[in-house]
Amino acid sequence: MLLWNLVRKDLLLEWKNKDAVLAMTAFTALVLLLFAIAVESIPALLRDIAPGAVWITYLFAAILGFNRVAMVERENNAMYTLLVAPIDRSLLFISKFTVNFLLISLVQVLSLPLIMLFFNIDIFLMMGSLSWIFILTTLGMSAIGTLFSAMLVNIRMKDVLMPLLTFPLLVPLLIAAVSLTRAVFNGQELQSTWVNLLLAYDVIFITAGTILYEFLLEE
């Protein structure tokens, strides 16, 4: 119940402001459109570049949302109230992680018609396999983003440092996501190596975030 209340609080604040969702959705639509326009003269390339274009777009859109979610409690010193409350600090990480995951997932769902339109791919015929790839990759992205956004929230240059610190960690995750998405688009069998990499990322960084978030909040 407490976890749900924390998640609900952040979701209500985001619903009221809509800053993160609007920025992430607009950015995603624009970048996907630019990728499609860049190769529209070579239709055969659309399917080939689609996996990379999709995940690069989601990566940068997610970066826009991470800092916004982390800043909610910093406004009006609301974080101090949470820190003195008799609650397990790991719940704060899980709630922020959940909100980031839901925001990115929402943007992904909204972008599916655009992917179908711009890249001429019938996404809905592939949703069984794609949904698992999206979920596993987004879990890892959200865990890393939540952890580092808490680390950088009080730093003036957080908008610059966030991508510099997270991109090296996210590259293997995105390579796995692109490889698996390409296999689905081409009707190929998914390689267990990439699936195991996504699972390992999820377990490692969700666990690390749960343990380390308390110390980051105290800094």
N, C-alpha and C. Protein backbone atom coordinates (compact mmCIF):
# COMPACT_ATOMS: atom_id res chain seq x y z
N MET A 1 0.82 -1.20 0.00
CA MET A 1 0.00 0.00 0.00
C MET A 1 0.86 1.26 0.00
N LEU A 2 1.93 1.26 0.82
CA LEU A 2 2.81 2.43 0.88
C LEU A 2 3.50 2.67 -0.45
N LEU A 3 3.98 1.58 -1.06
CA LEU A 3 4.63 1.72 -2.36
C LEU A 3 3.65 2.29 -3.39
N TRP A 4 2.43 1.79 -3.38
CA TRP A 4 1.43 2.29 -4.32
C TRP A 4 1.17 3.77 -4.10
N ASN A 5 1.14 4.21 -2.85
CA ASN A 5 0.91 5.63 -2.56
C ASN A 5 2.06 6.50 -3.08
N LEU A 6 3.29 6.01 -2.96
CA LEU A 6 4.44 6.76 -3.47
C LEU A 6 4.38 6.86 -5.00
N VAL A 7 4.08 5.75 -5.64
CA VAL A 7 3.97 5.74 -7.11
C VAL A 7 2.82 6.63 -7.55
N ARG A 8 1.69 6.51 -6.86
CA ARG A 8 0.51 7.29 -7.21
C ARG A 8 0.80 8.79 -7.08
N LYS A 9 1.54 9.18 -6.05
CA LYS A 9 1.89 10.58 -5.85
C LYS A 9 2.66 11.14 -7.05
N ASP A 10 3.68 10.40 -7.49
CA ASP A 10 4.48 10.87 -8.62
C ASP A 10 3.66 10.88 -9.91
N LEU A 11 2.82 9.88 -10.09
CA LEU A 11 2.00 9.84 -11.30
C LEU A 11 0.99 10.99 -11.33
N LEU A 12 0.43 11.31 -10.18
CA LEU A 12 -0.52 12.43 -10.12
C LEU A 12 0.18 13.76 -10.40
N LEU A 13 1.40 13.92 -9.88
CA LEU A 13 2.16 15.14 -10.14
C LEU A 13 2.49 15.25 -11.63
N GLU A 14 2.86 14.12 -12.22
CA GLU A 14 3.18 14.14 -13.65
C GLU A 14 1.92 14.38 -14.48
N TRP A 15 0.80 13.81 -14.06
CA TRP A 15 -0.45 14.03 -14.77
C TRP A 15 -0.85 15.50 -14.71
N LYS A 16 -0.56 16.13 -13.59
CA LYS A 16 -0.90 17.54 -13.42
C LYS A 16 -0.03 18.42 -14.31
N ASN A 17 1.28 18.14 -14.36
CA ASN A 17 2.20 18.99 -15.12
C ASN A 17 2.38 18.53 -16.55
N LYS A 18 2.47 17.22 -16.72
CA LYS A 18 2.66 16.59 -18.04
C LYS A 18 3.95 17.03 -18.72
N ASP A 19 4.91 17.54 -17.98
CA ASP A 19 6.17 18.00 -18.57
C ASP A 19 6.94 16.86 -19.22
N ALA A 20 7.18 15.81 -18.43
CA ALA A 20 8.02 14.72 -18.91
C ALA A 20 7.37 13.99 -20.08
N VAL A 21 6.09 13.66 -19.94
CA VAL A 21 5.41 12.89 -20.99
C VAL A 21 5.36 13.66 -22.31
N LEU A 22 4.99 14.92 -22.23
CA LEU A 22 4.91 15.73 -23.46
C LEU A 22 6.27 15.88 -24.12
N ALA A 23 7.30 16.15 -23.31
CA ALA A 23 8.65 16.32 -23.88
C ALA A 23 9.14 15.01 -24.49
N MET A 24 8.96 13.90 -23.79
CA MET A 24 9.42 12.61 -24.29
C MET A 24 8.67 12.19 -25.54
N THR A 25 7.36 12.39 -25.56
CA THR A 25 6.56 11.99 -26.71
C THR A 25 6.87 12.84 -27.94
N ALA A 26 6.98 14.15 -27.75
CA ALA A 26 7.30 15.04 -28.86
C ALA A 26 8.68 14.73 -29.43
N PHE A 27 9.63 14.50 -28.55
CA PHE A 27 10.99 14.17 -28.99
C PHE A 27 10.99 12.87 -29.78
N THR A 28 10.30 11.86 -29.26
CA THR A 28 10.25 10.55 -29.93
C THR A 28 9.65 10.67 -31.32
N ALA A 29 8.54 11.36 -31.44
CA ALA A 29 7.88 11.52 -32.73
C ALA A 29 8.78 12.25 -33.73
N LEU A 30 9.44 13.30 -33.26
CA LEU A 30 10.30 14.09 -34.15
C LEU A 30 11.49 13.29 -34.65
N VAL A 31 12.16 12.58 -33.75
CA VAL A 31 13.36 11.83 -34.15
C VAL A 31 13.00 10.67 -35.06
N LEU A 32 11.92 9.96 -34.77
CA LEU A 32 11.50 8.87 -35.66
C LEU A 32 11.17 9.40 -37.05
N LEU A 33 10.53 10.55 -37.10
CA LEU A 33 10.21 11.17 -38.39
C LEU A 33 11.48 11.53 -39.15
N LEU A 34 12.46 12.09 -38.46
CA LEU A 34 13.72 12.47 -39.12
C LEU A 34 14.46 11.25 -39.65
N PHE A 35 14.47 10.16 -38.88
CA PHE A 35 15.10 8.93 -39.36
C PHE A 35 14.41 8.43 -40.62
N ALA A 36 13.08 8.45 -40.62
CA ALA A 36 12.32 7.96 -41.77
C ALA A 36 12.56 8.83 -42.99
N ILE A 37 12.58 10.15 -42.81
CA ILE A 37 12.80 11.06 -43.93
C ILE A 37 14.20 10.88 -44.51
N ALA A 38 15.17 10.61 -43.63
CA ALA A 38 16.56 10.49 -44.07
C ALA A 38 16.77 9.36 -45.06
N VAL A 39 15.96 8.30 -44.96
CA VAL A 39 16.16 7.14 -45.86
C VAL A 39 14.91 6.83 -46.67
N GLU A 40 14.00 7.80 -46.80
CA GLU A 40 12.77 7.51 -47.53
C GLU A 40 13.02 7.21 -49.00
N SER A 41 14.13 7.71 -49.53
CA SER A 41 14.45 7.45 -50.93
C SER A 41 14.95 6.03 -51.15
N ILE A 42 15.28 5.32 -50.05
CA ILE A 42 15.75 3.94 -50.15
C ILE A 42 14.85 3.08 -49.25
N PRO A 43 13.66 2.70 -49.73
CA PRO A 43 12.69 1.98 -48.89
C PRO A 43 13.26 0.71 -48.26
N ALA A 44 14.19 0.05 -48.95
CA ALA A 44 14.73 -1.21 -48.43
C ALA A 44 15.49 -1.00 -47.12
N LEU A 45 15.97 0.23 -46.90
CA LEU A 45 16.74 0.51 -45.68
C LEU A 45 15.86 0.76 -44.47
N LEU A 46 14.58 1.05 -44.70
CA LEU A 46 13.71 1.41 -43.59
C LEU A 46 13.67 0.32 -42.52
N ARG A 47 13.45 -0.92 -42.94
CA ARG A 47 13.38 -2.02 -41.98
C ARG A 47 14.73 -2.26 -41.32
N ASP A 48 15.83 -2.03 -42.06
CA ASP A 48 17.16 -2.28 -41.52
C ASP A 48 17.54 -1.28 -40.44
N ILE A 49 17.17 -0.02 -40.62
CA ILE A 49 17.58 0.99 -39.65
C ILE A 49 16.55 1.15 -38.52
N ALA A 50 15.36 0.57 -38.70
CA ALA A 50 14.29 0.77 -37.72
C ALA A 50 14.68 0.37 -36.30
N PRO A 51 15.29 -0.82 -36.06
CA PRO A 51 15.62 -1.19 -34.68
C PRO A 51 16.56 -0.18 -34.01
N GLY A 52 17.61 0.23 -34.72
CA GLY A 52 18.53 1.20 -34.14
C GLY A 52 17.88 2.55 -33.92
N ALA A 53 17.09 2.99 -34.90
CA ALA A 53 16.41 4.29 -34.77
C ALA A 53 15.46 4.29 -33.59
N VAL A 54 14.72 3.20 -33.42
CA VAL A 54 13.74 3.12 -32.34
C VAL A 54 14.41 3.21 -30.97
N TRP A 55 15.47 2.42 -30.76
CA TRP A 55 16.08 2.37 -29.44
C TRP A 55 16.94 3.59 -29.14
N ILE A 56 17.56 4.19 -30.14
CA ILE A 56 18.27 5.44 -29.91
C ILE A 56 17.29 6.53 -29.49
N THR A 57 16.14 6.54 -30.16
CA THR A 57 15.11 7.52 -29.82
C THR A 57 14.61 7.33 -28.40
N TYR A 58 14.32 6.07 -28.02
CA TYR A 58 13.85 5.80 -26.67
C TYR A 58 14.90 6.17 -25.61
N LEU A 59 16.17 5.96 -25.95
CA LEU A 59 17.24 6.28 -25.00
C LEU A 59 17.24 7.77 -24.67
N PHE A 60 17.25 8.61 -25.69
CA PHE A 60 17.31 10.05 -25.44
C PHE A 60 16.00 10.57 -24.84
N ALA A 61 14.90 9.97 -25.23
CA ALA A 61 13.62 10.36 -24.62
C ALA A 61 13.61 10.02 -23.14
N ALA A 62 14.17 8.87 -22.78
CA ALA A 62 14.21 8.47 -21.38
C ALA A 62 15.06 9.41 -20.56
N ILE A 63 16.19 9.87 -21.11
CA ILE A 63 17.05 10.80 -20.39
C ILE A 63 16.29 12.07 -20.04
N LEU A 64 15.39 12.51 -20.94
CA LEU A 64 14.59 13.70 -20.65
C LEU A 64 13.70 13.49 -19.43
N GLY A 65 13.19 12.27 -19.27
CA GLY A 65 12.26 12.00 -18.18
C GLY A 65 12.91 11.71 -16.85
N PHE A 66 14.11 11.13 -16.85
CA PHE A 66 14.75 10.72 -15.60
C PHE A 66 14.95 11.89 -14.64
N ASN A 67 15.53 12.98 -15.15
CA ASN A 67 15.81 14.11 -14.27
C ASN A 67 14.54 14.76 -13.75
N ARG A 68 13.50 14.79 -14.59
CA ARG A 68 12.24 15.39 -14.15
C ARG A 68 11.64 14.63 -12.98
N VAL A 69 11.62 13.31 -13.08
CA VAL A 69 11.06 12.49 -12.00
C VAL A 69 11.88 12.63 -10.73
N ALA A 70 13.20 12.72 -10.87
CA ALA A 70 14.07 12.85 -9.70
C ALA A 70 13.90 14.19 -9.02
N MET A 71 13.51 15.22 -9.77
CA MET A 71 13.43 16.58 -9.22
C MET A 71 12.13 16.86 -8.48
N VAL A 72 11.15 15.97 -8.58
CA VAL A 72 9.83 16.26 -8.01
C VAL A 72 9.93 16.56 -6.52
N GLU A 73 10.62 15.69 -5.76
CA GLU A 73 10.71 15.90 -4.32
C GLU A 73 11.70 17.00 -3.93
N ARG A 74 12.58 17.41 -4.84
CA ARG A 74 13.52 18.47 -4.50
C ARG A 74 12.83 19.83 -4.46
N GLU A 75 11.70 19.93 -5.12
CA GLU A 75 10.96 21.19 -5.12
C GLU A 75 10.26 21.36 -3.77
N ASN A 76 10.37 22.54 -3.18
CA ASN A 76 9.75 22.86 -1.88
C ASN A 76 10.24 21.95 -0.75
N ASN A 77 11.46 21.38 -0.93
CA ASN A 77 12.06 20.53 0.12
C ASN A 77 11.17 19.35 0.52
N ALA A 78 10.41 18.85 -0.44
CA ALA A 78 9.53 17.71 -0.14
C ALA A 78 10.34 16.44 0.16
N MET A 79 11.57 16.36 -0.36
CA MET A 79 12.39 15.19 -0.11
C MET A 79 12.70 15.03 1.38
N TYR A 80 12.87 16.15 2.06
CA TYR A 80 13.16 16.08 3.50
C TYR A 80 12.04 15.38 4.25
N THR A 81 10.81 15.64 3.86
CA THR A 81 9.66 15.00 4.51
C THR A 81 9.71 13.49 4.31
N LEU A 82 10.08 13.06 3.12
CA LEU A 82 10.17 11.63 2.85
C LEU A 82 11.30 10.98 3.64
N LEU A 83 12.42 11.70 3.78
CA LEU A 83 13.59 11.13 4.45
C LEU A 83 13.35 10.95 5.95
N VAL A 84 12.57 11.83 6.55
CA VAL A 84 12.32 11.70 7.99
C VAL A 84 11.12 10.79 8.28
N ALA A 85 10.42 10.41 7.26
CA ALA A 85 9.28 9.51 7.45
C ALA A 85 9.78 8.10 7.79
N PRO A 86 9.09 7.36 8.62
CA PRO A 86 9.51 6.00 9.02
C PRO A 86 9.19 4.96 7.96
N ILE A 87 9.85 5.08 6.81
CA ILE A 87 9.61 4.13 5.71
C ILE A 87 10.95 3.58 5.24
N ASP A 88 10.91 2.43 4.65
CA ASP A 88 12.11 1.80 4.09
C ASP A 88 12.57 2.61 2.88
N ARG A 89 13.84 3.05 2.91
CA ARG A 89 14.34 3.89 1.81
C ARG A 89 14.33 3.16 0.47
N SER A 90 14.43 1.84 0.51
CA SER A 90 14.41 1.10 -0.75
C SER A 90 13.10 1.29 -1.49
N LEU A 91 12.02 1.57 -0.75
CA LEU A 91 10.72 1.82 -1.39
C LEU A 91 10.76 3.09 -2.23
N LEU A 92 11.59 4.07 -1.82
CA LEU A 92 11.71 5.30 -2.60
C LEU A 92 12.32 5.00 -3.97
N PHE A 93 13.34 4.14 -3.98
CA PHE A 93 13.93 3.76 -5.27
C PHE A 93 12.92 3.00 -6.12
N ILE A 94 12.25 2.03 -5.52
CA ILE A 94 11.30 1.22 -6.28
C ILE A 94 10.18 2.08 -6.84
N SER A 95 9.73 3.07 -6.07
CA SER A 95 8.65 3.93 -6.56
C SER A 95 9.12 4.79 -7.73
N LYS A 96 10.32 5.39 -7.61
CA LYS A 96 10.86 6.20 -8.70
C LYS A 96 11.14 5.34 -9.93
N PHE A 97 11.69 4.17 -9.68
CA PHE A 97 11.97 3.23 -10.77
C PHE A 97 10.68 2.85 -11.49
N THR A 98 9.63 2.58 -10.72
CA THR A 98 8.35 2.21 -11.31
C THR A 98 7.76 3.34 -12.15
N VAL A 99 7.86 4.56 -11.63
CA VAL A 99 7.34 5.72 -12.38
C VAL A 99 8.11 5.91 -13.68
N ASN A 100 9.44 5.82 -13.62
CA ASN A 100 10.24 5.94 -14.84
C ASN A 100 9.88 4.85 -15.84
N PHE A 101 9.72 3.63 -15.35
CA PHE A 101 9.34 2.52 -16.23
C PHE A 101 8.00 2.78 -16.90
N LEU A 102 7.03 3.25 -16.13
CA LEU A 102 5.69 3.51 -16.69
C LEU A 102 5.71 4.65 -17.70
N LEU A 103 6.49 5.69 -17.42
CA LEU A 103 6.56 6.82 -18.36
C LEU A 103 7.18 6.40 -19.69
N ILE A 104 8.29 5.67 -19.61
CA ILE A 104 8.94 5.21 -20.84
C ILE A 104 8.03 4.25 -21.59
N SER A 105 7.37 3.37 -20.87
CA SER A 105 6.45 2.41 -21.51
C SER A 105 5.30 3.13 -22.20
N LEU A 106 4.80 4.18 -21.56
CA LEU A 106 3.72 4.96 -22.18
C LEU A 106 4.19 5.58 -23.49
N VAL A 107 5.38 6.16 -23.48
CA VAL A 107 5.92 6.75 -24.70
C VAL A 107 6.10 5.69 -25.78
N GLN A 108 6.55 4.52 -25.38
CA GLN A 108 6.73 3.43 -26.35
C GLN A 108 5.40 3.02 -26.97
N VAL A 109 4.38 2.89 -26.15
CA VAL A 109 3.06 2.52 -26.68
C VAL A 109 2.54 3.58 -27.64
N LEU A 110 2.70 4.85 -27.27
CA LEU A 110 2.24 5.94 -28.14
C LEU A 110 3.01 6.00 -29.45
N SER A 111 4.25 5.51 -29.42
CA SER A 111 5.08 5.60 -30.63
C SER A 111 4.87 4.44 -31.60
N LEU A 112 4.19 3.38 -31.17
CA LEU A 112 4.01 2.21 -32.03
C LEU A 112 3.32 2.55 -33.36
N PRO A 113 2.24 3.33 -33.36
CA PRO A 113 1.65 3.69 -34.65
C PRO A 113 2.61 4.48 -35.54
N LEU A 114 3.47 5.29 -34.94
CA LEU A 114 4.44 6.05 -35.73
C LEU A 114 5.47 5.12 -36.37
N ILE A 115 5.90 4.11 -35.63
CA ILE A 115 6.85 3.14 -36.19
C ILE A 115 6.22 2.42 -37.38
N MET A 116 4.96 2.03 -37.22
CA MET A 116 4.26 1.37 -38.32
C MET A 116 4.15 2.28 -39.53
N LEU A 117 3.85 3.56 -39.30
CA LEU A 117 3.65 4.51 -40.39
C LEU A 117 4.96 4.89 -41.07
N PHE A 118 5.97 5.22 -40.28
CA PHE A 118 7.22 5.74 -40.83
C PHE A 118 8.10 4.65 -41.43
N PHE A 119 8.08 3.43 -40.83
CA PHE A 119 9.00 2.38 -41.26
C PHE A 119 8.31 1.22 -41.96
N ASN A 120 6.99 1.34 -42.15
CA ASN A 120 6.23 0.33 -42.89
C ASN A 120 6.41 -1.07 -42.28
N ILE A 121 6.26 -1.15 -40.96
CA ILE A 121 6.40 -2.41 -40.24
C ILE A 121 5.11 -2.68 -39.47
N ASP A 122 4.56 -3.87 -39.65
CA ASP A 122 3.33 -4.22 -38.95
C ASP A 122 3.68 -4.69 -37.54
N ILE A 123 3.78 -3.75 -36.62
CA ILE A 123 4.21 -4.03 -35.26
C ILE A 123 3.28 -5.01 -34.55
N PHE A 124 1.98 -4.90 -34.78
CA PHE A 124 1.02 -5.66 -33.99
C PHE A 124 1.11 -7.16 -34.26
N LEU A 125 1.62 -7.56 -35.40
CA LEU A 125 1.83 -8.98 -35.67
C LEU A 125 3.01 -9.54 -34.90
N MET A 126 3.86 -8.65 -34.37
CA MET A 126 5.08 -9.08 -33.67
C MET A 126 5.02 -8.78 -32.17
N MET A 127 3.89 -8.31 -31.67
CA MET A 127 3.84 -7.79 -30.31
C MET A 127 4.16 -8.84 -29.25
N GLY A 128 3.93 -10.11 -29.53
CA GLY A 128 4.23 -11.14 -28.55
C GLY A 128 5.69 -11.12 -28.14
N SER A 129 6.59 -11.16 -29.14
CA SER A 129 8.03 -11.14 -28.86
C SER A 129 8.52 -9.74 -28.51
N LEU A 130 8.00 -8.74 -29.22
CA LEU A 130 8.47 -7.37 -28.99
C LEU A 130 8.15 -6.88 -27.59
N SER A 131 7.01 -7.27 -27.06
CA SER A 131 6.62 -6.78 -25.74
C SER A 131 7.63 -7.20 -24.68
N TRP A 132 8.13 -8.44 -24.78
CA TRP A 132 9.13 -8.89 -23.82
C TRP A 132 10.44 -8.14 -23.97
N ILE A 133 10.84 -7.87 -25.20
CA ILE A 133 12.06 -7.10 -25.43
C ILE A 133 11.91 -5.70 -24.87
N PHE A 134 10.78 -5.08 -25.13
CA PHE A 134 10.53 -3.73 -24.62
C PHE A 134 10.54 -3.71 -23.09
N ILE A 135 9.88 -4.68 -22.48
CA ILE A 135 9.79 -4.71 -21.02
C ILE A 135 11.16 -4.91 -20.39
N LEU A 136 11.89 -5.92 -20.85
CA LEU A 136 13.21 -6.22 -20.26
C LEU A 136 14.19 -5.07 -20.45
N THR A 137 14.19 -4.46 -21.64
CA THR A 137 15.10 -3.35 -21.89
C THR A 137 14.71 -2.12 -21.09
N THR A 138 13.44 -1.84 -21.01
CA THR A 138 12.98 -0.66 -20.29
C THR A 138 13.21 -0.80 -18.79
N LEU A 139 13.12 -2.01 -18.27
CA LEU A 139 13.44 -2.24 -16.85
C LEU A 139 14.88 -1.85 -16.57
N GLY A 140 15.81 -2.29 -17.43
CA GLY A 140 17.22 -1.95 -17.23
C GLY A 140 17.49 -0.47 -17.38
N MET A 141 16.91 0.14 -18.41
CA MET A 141 17.07 1.58 -18.61
C MET A 141 16.55 2.37 -17.41
N SER A 142 15.39 1.97 -16.91
CA SER A 142 14.77 2.68 -15.79
C SER A 142 15.60 2.55 -14.51
N ALA A 143 16.14 1.35 -14.28
CA ALA A 143 16.95 1.14 -13.08
C ALA A 143 18.21 2.01 -13.11
N ILE A 144 18.90 2.02 -14.24
CA ILE A 144 20.12 2.83 -14.38
C ILE A 144 19.78 4.31 -14.29
N GLY A 145 18.74 4.74 -14.98
CA GLY A 145 18.36 6.15 -14.98
C GLY A 145 17.94 6.63 -13.61
N THR A 146 17.18 5.80 -12.89
CA THR A 146 16.73 6.18 -11.54
C THR A 146 17.91 6.31 -10.59
N LEU A 147 18.85 5.38 -10.68
CA LEU A 147 20.01 5.39 -9.80
C LEU A 147 20.88 6.62 -10.03
N PHE A 148 21.18 6.91 -11.29
CA PHE A 148 22.09 8.02 -11.59
C PHE A 148 21.41 9.38 -11.47
N SER A 149 20.12 9.44 -11.70
CA SER A 149 19.43 10.72 -11.52
C SER A 149 19.41 11.12 -10.05
N ALA A 150 19.33 10.14 -9.15
CA ALA A 150 19.42 10.44 -7.72
C ALA A 150 20.83 10.89 -7.35
N MET A 151 21.82 10.31 -7.99
CA MET A 151 23.21 10.66 -7.72
C MET A 151 23.52 12.09 -8.16
N LEU A 152 22.89 12.54 -9.23
CA LEU A 152 23.24 13.83 -9.83
C LEU A 152 22.24 14.94 -9.56
N VAL A 153 21.18 14.64 -8.82
CA VAL A 153 20.07 15.59 -8.72
C VAL A 153 20.49 16.93 -8.12
N ASN A 154 21.51 16.95 -7.25
CA ASN A 154 21.94 18.19 -6.61
C ASN A 154 23.10 18.86 -7.33
N ILE A 155 23.52 18.29 -8.45
CA ILE A 155 24.66 18.83 -9.19
C ILE A 155 24.15 19.77 -10.29
N ARG A 156 24.79 20.91 -10.41
CA ARG A 156 24.31 21.93 -11.34
C ARG A 156 24.32 21.45 -12.79
N MET A 157 25.33 20.70 -13.17
CA MET A 157 25.47 20.25 -14.56
C MET A 157 24.89 18.85 -14.77
N LYS A 158 23.85 18.51 -14.05
CA LYS A 158 23.28 17.16 -14.13
C LYS A 158 22.79 16.81 -15.53
N ASP A 159 22.28 17.81 -16.27
CA ASP A 159 21.77 17.52 -17.60
C ASP A 159 22.89 17.11 -18.56
N VAL A 160 24.10 17.59 -18.29
CA VAL A 160 25.26 17.22 -19.12
C VAL A 160 25.86 15.91 -18.63
N LEU A 161 25.97 15.75 -17.32
CA LEU A 161 26.62 14.58 -16.75
C LEU A 161 25.78 13.31 -16.88
N MET A 162 24.46 13.47 -16.88
CA MET A 162 23.58 12.30 -16.92
C MET A 162 23.87 11.41 -18.14
N PRO A 163 23.86 11.94 -19.36
CA PRO A 163 24.18 11.07 -20.50
C PRO A 163 25.62 10.57 -20.50
N LEU A 164 26.56 11.40 -20.03
CA LEU A 164 27.96 11.00 -20.02
C LEU A 164 28.20 9.79 -19.11
N LEU A 165 27.50 9.74 -18.00
CA LEU A 165 27.69 8.65 -17.05
C LEU A 165 26.85 7.41 -17.39
N THR A 166 25.67 7.62 -17.92
CA THR A 166 24.78 6.48 -18.16
C THR A 166 25.00 5.80 -19.50
N PHE A 167 25.42 6.54 -20.52
CA PHE A 167 25.56 5.96 -21.85
C PHE A 167 26.51 4.76 -21.89
N PRO A 168 27.71 4.84 -21.24
CA PRO A 168 28.58 3.64 -21.27
C PRO A 168 27.92 2.40 -20.69
N LEU A 169 27.09 2.58 -19.67
CA LEU A 169 26.39 1.43 -19.08
C LEU A 169 25.23 0.96 -19.94
N LEU A 170 24.62 1.91 -20.66
CA LEU A 170 23.43 1.57 -21.45
C LEU A 170 23.77 0.99 -22.81
N VAL A 171 24.99 1.20 -23.29
CA VAL A 171 25.36 0.72 -24.63
C VAL A 171 25.16 -0.79 -24.78
N PRO A 172 25.70 -1.64 -23.88
CA PRO A 172 25.45 -3.09 -24.04
C PRO A 172 23.97 -3.45 -24.01
N LEU A 173 23.23 -2.75 -23.15
CA LEU A 173 21.78 -3.00 -23.06
C LEU A 173 21.09 -2.69 -24.39
N LEU A 174 21.47 -1.57 -25.00
CA LEU A 174 20.84 -1.17 -26.25
C LEU A 174 21.29 -2.05 -27.42
N ILE A 175 22.54 -2.50 -27.39
CA ILE A 175 23.00 -3.43 -28.43
C ILE A 175 22.16 -4.70 -28.39
N ALA A 176 21.91 -5.21 -27.19
CA ALA A 176 21.07 -6.40 -27.05
C ALA A 176 19.65 -6.12 -27.54
N ALA A 177 19.10 -4.96 -27.17
CA ALA A 177 17.73 -4.63 -27.58
C ALA A 177 17.64 -4.49 -29.10
N VAL A 178 18.62 -3.82 -29.71
CA VAL A 178 18.61 -3.64 -31.17
C VAL A 178 18.74 -4.99 -31.87
N SER A 179 19.62 -5.85 -31.38
CA SER A 179 19.82 -7.16 -32.00
C SER A 179 18.56 -8.01 -31.92
N LEU A 180 17.91 -8.00 -30.77
CA LEU A 180 16.68 -8.79 -30.61
C LEU A 180 15.53 -8.20 -31.43
N THR A 181 15.44 -6.87 -31.46
CA THR A 181 14.37 -6.24 -32.24
C THR A 181 14.57 -6.50 -33.73
N ARG A 182 15.79 -6.45 -34.19
CA ARG A 182 16.06 -6.74 -35.60
C ARG A 182 15.66 -8.18 -35.93
N ALA A 183 15.95 -9.11 -35.02
CA ALA A 183 15.59 -10.50 -35.26
C ALA A 183 14.07 -10.65 -35.37
N VAL A 184 13.33 -9.95 -34.51
CA VAL A 184 11.86 -10.02 -34.58
C VAL A 184 11.36 -9.41 -35.88
N PHE A 185 11.88 -8.27 -36.26
CA PHE A 185 11.45 -7.62 -37.50
C PHE A 185 11.71 -8.50 -38.72
N ASN A 186 12.79 -9.28 -38.67
CA ASN A 186 13.16 -10.12 -39.82
C ASN A 186 12.65 -11.54 -39.71
N GLY A 187 11.86 -11.81 -38.67
CA GLY A 187 11.30 -13.14 -38.50
C GLY A 187 12.31 -14.19 -38.11
N GLN A 188 13.39 -13.80 -37.43
CA GLN A 188 14.45 -14.72 -37.04
C GLN A 188 14.27 -15.16 -35.58
N GLU A 189 14.99 -16.19 -35.22
CA GLU A 189 14.93 -16.70 -33.84
C GLU A 189 15.73 -15.79 -32.92
N LEU A 190 15.22 -15.56 -31.72
CA LEU A 190 15.91 -14.72 -30.74
C LEU A 190 17.09 -15.47 -30.14
N GLN A 191 18.23 -14.78 -30.03
CA GLN A 191 19.41 -15.39 -29.45
C GLN A 191 19.36 -15.28 -27.93
N SER A 192 19.56 -16.41 -27.27
CA SER A 192 19.46 -16.44 -25.81
C SER A 192 20.54 -15.58 -25.14
N THR A 193 21.67 -15.38 -25.83
CA THR A 193 22.74 -14.56 -25.25
C THR A 193 22.25 -13.15 -24.96
N TRP A 194 21.54 -12.56 -25.92
CA TRP A 194 21.04 -11.20 -25.73
C TRP A 194 19.94 -11.15 -24.69
N VAL A 195 19.10 -12.15 -24.67
CA VAL A 195 18.04 -12.20 -23.66
C VAL A 195 18.64 -12.30 -22.26
N ASN A 196 19.66 -13.15 -22.12
CA ASN A 196 20.32 -13.30 -20.81
C ASN A 196 21.01 -12.01 -20.39
N LEU A 197 21.54 -11.26 -21.36
CA LEU A 197 22.17 -9.98 -21.04
C LEU A 197 21.15 -8.99 -20.48
N LEU A 198 19.98 -8.94 -21.11
CA LEU A 198 18.93 -8.06 -20.61
C LEU A 198 18.50 -8.46 -19.19
N LEU A 199 18.33 -9.74 -18.96
CA LEU A 199 17.94 -10.22 -17.64
C LEU A 199 19.00 -9.89 -16.59
N ALA A 200 20.28 -10.06 -16.97
CA ALA A 200 21.36 -9.77 -16.04
C ALA A 200 21.38 -8.29 -15.67
N TYR A 201 21.20 -7.42 -16.66
CA TYR A 201 21.15 -5.98 -16.41
C TYR A 201 20.02 -5.64 -15.44
N ASP A 202 18.87 -6.22 -15.68
CA ASP A 202 17.71 -5.92 -14.82
C ASP A 202 17.99 -6.31 -13.38
N VAL A 203 18.49 -7.51 -13.18
CA VAL A 203 18.73 -8.00 -11.82
C VAL A 203 19.81 -7.18 -11.13
N ILE A 204 20.92 -6.92 -11.83
CA ILE A 204 22.05 -6.23 -11.23
C ILE A 204 21.69 -4.81 -10.83
N PHE A 205 21.08 -4.06 -11.74
CA PHE A 205 20.87 -2.64 -11.47
C PHE A 205 19.63 -2.37 -10.61
N ILE A 206 18.64 -3.22 -10.68
CA ILE A 206 17.52 -3.07 -9.75
C ILE A 206 17.99 -3.37 -8.33
N THR A 207 18.79 -4.41 -8.18
CA THR A 207 19.34 -4.73 -6.86
C THR A 207 20.26 -3.63 -6.36
N ALA A 208 21.15 -3.15 -7.24
CA ALA A 208 22.08 -2.08 -6.85
C ALA A 208 21.33 -0.82 -6.46
N GLY A 209 20.31 -0.49 -7.23
CA GLY A 209 19.53 0.71 -6.91
C GLY A 209 18.84 0.60 -5.57
N THR A 210 18.28 -0.56 -5.29
CA THR A 210 17.59 -0.77 -4.02
C THR A 210 18.53 -0.60 -2.84
N ILE A 211 19.77 -1.05 -3.00
CA ILE A 211 20.76 -0.97 -1.92
C ILE A 211 21.38 0.42 -1.80
N LEU A 212 21.72 1.04 -2.94
CA LEU A 212 22.50 2.27 -2.92
C LEU A 212 21.66 3.54 -2.82
N TYR A 213 20.40 3.46 -3.15
CA TYR A 213 19.56 4.67 -3.21
C TYR A 213 19.53 5.40 -1.88
N GLU A 214 19.51 4.66 -0.78
CA GLU A 214 19.47 5.28 0.54
C GLU A 214 20.68 6.16 0.76
N PHE A 215 21.87 5.68 0.37
CA PHE A 215 23.09 6.46 0.58
C PHE A 215 23.13 7.68 -0.33
N LEU A 216 22.58 7.57 -1.53
CA LEU A 216 22.56 8.70 -2.46
C LEU A 216 21.65 9.80 -1.94
N LEU A 217 20.55 9.43 -1.31
CA LEU A 217 19.62 10.42 -0.79
C LEU A 217 20.19 11.20 0.38
N GLU A 218 21.10 10.57 1.11
CA GLU A 218 21.67 11.23 2.29
C GLU A 218 22.75 12.21 1.94
N GLU A 219 23.27 12.15 0.71
CA GLU A 219 24.36 13.04 0.32
C GLU A 219 23.85 14.45 0.10
